Amino acid sequence: MDFDQITVGLRATWQKRITEVEVLQYAAITGDHNPVHVDADAAARGPYGERIAHGMLSAGLLSAAMADGVPGPGAVYLSQSLSFKRPVRLGDVITAEVEVLEIKPRTRRVRLATRCRNQADELVLDGEAMVMLPAAADSGPDAA
């Protein structure tokens, strides 16, 4: 997406069902083997009574919404604030949404609202991100 196509209020979403496979792969990749995520017996005794997904697994879906939607390929993630509102349970379908809040043309930065909701439309994650867009490609007659 070209920088001049980005407008305040523009949104993109990306959706994924969170299964045991994703949770175990996330644990293997990150090394986060917290029993609340990977051990059914231990998680049953925990605050949610069952295993839940890593919060950062849901947060990672925001990156997909940015890369495949707004602002699109080539954007560089600069910062992210997160507030986890509800647990994500195995089997939940999570919709990650990004929405343009502010555009800074001089620095090619875009501030985004970032949210994840479950299949019941309950907010599970809320935050804001800042991304930087690449410089416009040279479109002159000598461009390769």
Protein backbone atom coordinates (compact mmCIF):
# COMPACT_ATOMS: atom_id res chain seq x y z
CA MET A 1 0.00 0.00 0.00
CA ASP A 2 1.38 3.39 -0.97
CA PHE A 3 1.79 5.87 1.87
CA ASP A 4 -0.67 8.29 0.25
CA GLN A 5 -3.37 5.58 0.27
CA ILE A 6 -3.33 5.34 4.06
CA THR A 7 -6.04 7.34 5.80
CA VAL A 8 -7.14 7.74 9.39
CA GLY A 9 -9.80 5.15 10.15
CA LEU A 10 -8.52 2.60 7.62
CA ARG A 11 -8.74 -0.92 9.08
CA ALA A 12 -7.55 -4.44 8.39
CA THR A 13 -8.23 -7.76 10.08
CA TRP A 14 -6.65 -11.19 10.16
CA GLN A 15 -8.28 -14.27 11.71
CA LYS A 16 -6.92 -17.53 13.13
CA ARG A 17 -8.21 -20.42 15.20
CA ILE A 18 -5.87 -21.06 18.12
CA THR A 19 -5.32 -24.79 18.58
CA GLU A 20 -2.99 -26.96 20.63
CA VAL A 21 -0.66 -27.09 17.63
CA GLU A 22 -0.18 -23.30 17.63
CA VAL A 23 0.33 -23.21 21.40
CA LEU A 24 2.92 -26.00 21.35
CA GLN A 25 4.72 -24.50 18.35
CA TYR A 26 4.81 -21.10 20.05
CA ALA A 27 6.22 -22.72 23.21
CA ALA A 28 8.88 -24.54 21.16
CA ILE A 29 9.89 -21.41 19.23
CA THR A 30 10.02 -19.06 22.22
CA GLY A 31 11.00 -21.45 25.00
CA ASP A 32 7.97 -20.33 27.04
CA HIS A 33 6.79 -23.61 28.54
CA ASN A 34 4.68 -22.08 31.31
CA PRO A 35 2.41 -24.90 32.58
CA VAL A 36 -0.69 -22.72 32.18
CA HIS A 37 -0.07 -23.07 28.43
CA VAL A 38 1.37 -26.56 27.99
CA ASP A 39 0.35 -28.75 30.95
CA ALA A 40 -3.36 -29.62 31.16
CA ASP A 41 -3.14 -30.96 34.74
CA ALA A 42 -1.29 -27.93 36.09
CA ALA A 43 -3.52 -25.54 34.12
CA ALA A 44 -6.64 -27.21 35.53
CA ARG A 45 -5.52 -26.07 38.98
CA GLY A 46 -4.78 -22.55 37.73
CA PRO A 47 -6.94 -19.43 37.58
CA TYR A 48 -8.74 -20.40 34.35
CA GLY A 49 -9.28 -24.10 35.03
CA GLU A 50 -7.79 -25.08 31.67
CA ARG A 51 -4.89 -24.37 29.36
CA ILE A 52 -4.81 -20.96 27.71
CA ALA A 53 -2.78 -19.61 24.81
CA HIS A 54 0.24 -17.40 25.33
CA GLY A 55 -0.82 -13.76 25.28
CA MET A 56 1.96 -12.95 22.85
CA LEU A 57 0.62 -15.55 20.43
CA SER A 58 -2.49 -13.41 20.01
CA ALA A 59 -0.35 -10.29 19.82
CA GLY A 60 1.60 -11.88 16.98
CA LEU A 61 -1.55 -12.02 14.89
CA LEU A 62 -1.50 -8.23 14.79
CA SER A 63 1.67 -8.42 12.75
CA ALA A 64 -0.16 -10.51 10.15
CA ALA A 65 -2.98 -7.95 9.96
CA MET A 66 -0.38 -5.25 9.35
CA ALA A 67 1.66 -7.19 6.80
CA ASP A 68 -1.32 -8.49 4.82
CA GLY A 69 -3.54 -5.44 5.28
CA VAL A 70 -2.73 -2.04 6.75
CA PRO A 71 -0.22 -0.60 6.22
CA GLY A 72 0.95 -3.60 4.18
CA PRO A 73 4.20 -5.27 3.15
CA GLY A 74 7.43 -3.47 3.95
CA ALA A 75 6.21 -1.73 7.09
CA VAL A 76 8.62 -1.93 10.01
CA TYR A 77 7.18 -2.49 13.50
CA LEU A 78 8.66 0.14 15.84
CA SER A 79 6.68 -0.21 19.06
CA GLN A 80 3.67 -1.90 20.61
CA SER A 81 1.74 -1.39 23.84
CA LEU A 82 -0.48 -4.26 24.99
CA SER A 83 -3.15 -4.84 27.57
CA PHE A 84 -4.44 -8.41 27.90
CA LYS A 85 -8.15 -8.33 28.75
CA ARG A 86 -9.28 -11.98 28.65
CA PRO A 87 -7.63 -15.37 28.25
CA VAL A 88 -7.54 -17.03 24.85
CA ARG A 89 -8.63 -20.62 25.15
CA LEU A 90 -7.68 -23.46 22.84
CA GLY A 91 -10.21 -23.51 20.01
CA ASP A 92 -10.93 -19.78 20.15
CA VAL A 93 -11.06 -17.96 16.82
CA ILE A 94 -9.13 -14.74 17.22
CA THR A 95 -9.63 -11.75 14.94
CA ALA A 96 -6.74 -9.31 15.01
CA GLU A 97 -7.65 -5.79 13.92
CA VAL A 98 -5.51 -2.76 13.21
CA GLU A 99 -6.89 0.72 12.65
CA VAL A 100 -5.01 3.82 11.55
CA LEU A 101 -5.17 6.48 14.26
CA GLU A 102 -2.53 8.94 13.08
CA ILE A 103 -0.30 9.50 10.06
CA LYS A 104 3.06 11.29 10.31
CA PRO A 105 4.06 12.05 6.70
CA ARG A 106 7.45 13.62 7.47
CA THR A 107 8.74 10.49 9.22
CA ARG A 108 6.53 8.01 7.31
CA ARG A 109 5.20 6.68 10.60
CA VAL A 110 1.68 5.43 11.24
CA ARG A 111 0.11 4.99 14.69
CA LEU A 112 -2.36 2.11 14.88
CA ALA A 113 -4.98 0.91 17.34
CA THR A 114 -4.43 -2.82 17.79
CA ARG A 115 -7.14 -5.15 19.07
CA CYS A 116 -7.86 -8.85 19.20
CA ARG A 117 -11.33 -10.28 19.76
CA ASN A 118 -12.56 -13.84 20.19
CA GLN A 119 -15.44 -15.50 18.35
CA ALA A 120 -17.89 -14.02 20.90
CA ASP A 121 -16.61 -10.53 19.94
CA GLU A 122 -15.03 -10.17 23.39
CA LEU A 123 -11.93 -8.00 23.53
CA VAL A 124 -8.96 -10.18 24.52
CA LEU A 125 -6.16 -7.72 23.74
CA ASP A 126 -6.02 -3.95 23.33
CA GLY A 127 -3.11 -1.70 22.46
CA GLU A 128 -1.36 0.67 20.08
CA ALA A 129 1.48 0.24 17.64
CA MET A 130 3.80 2.51 15.70
CA VAL A 131 5.09 1.39 12.33
CA MET A 132 7.34 3.00 9.76
CA LEU A 133 6.69 2.69 6.06
CA PRO A 134 9.49 2.29 3.54
CA ALA A 135 10.45 5.22 1.35
CA ALA A 136 8.53 5.38 -1.90
CA ALA A 137 10.16 3.46 -4.73
CA ASP A 138 11.74 5.56 -7.42
CA SER A 139 9.29 5.58 -10.30
CA GLY A 140 11.29 7.75 -12.66
CA PRO A 141 12.46 6.70 -16.13
CA ASP A 142 15.74 5.27 -14.80
CA ALA A 143 14.12 3.10 -12.12
CA ALA A 144 15.15 -0.55 -12.34
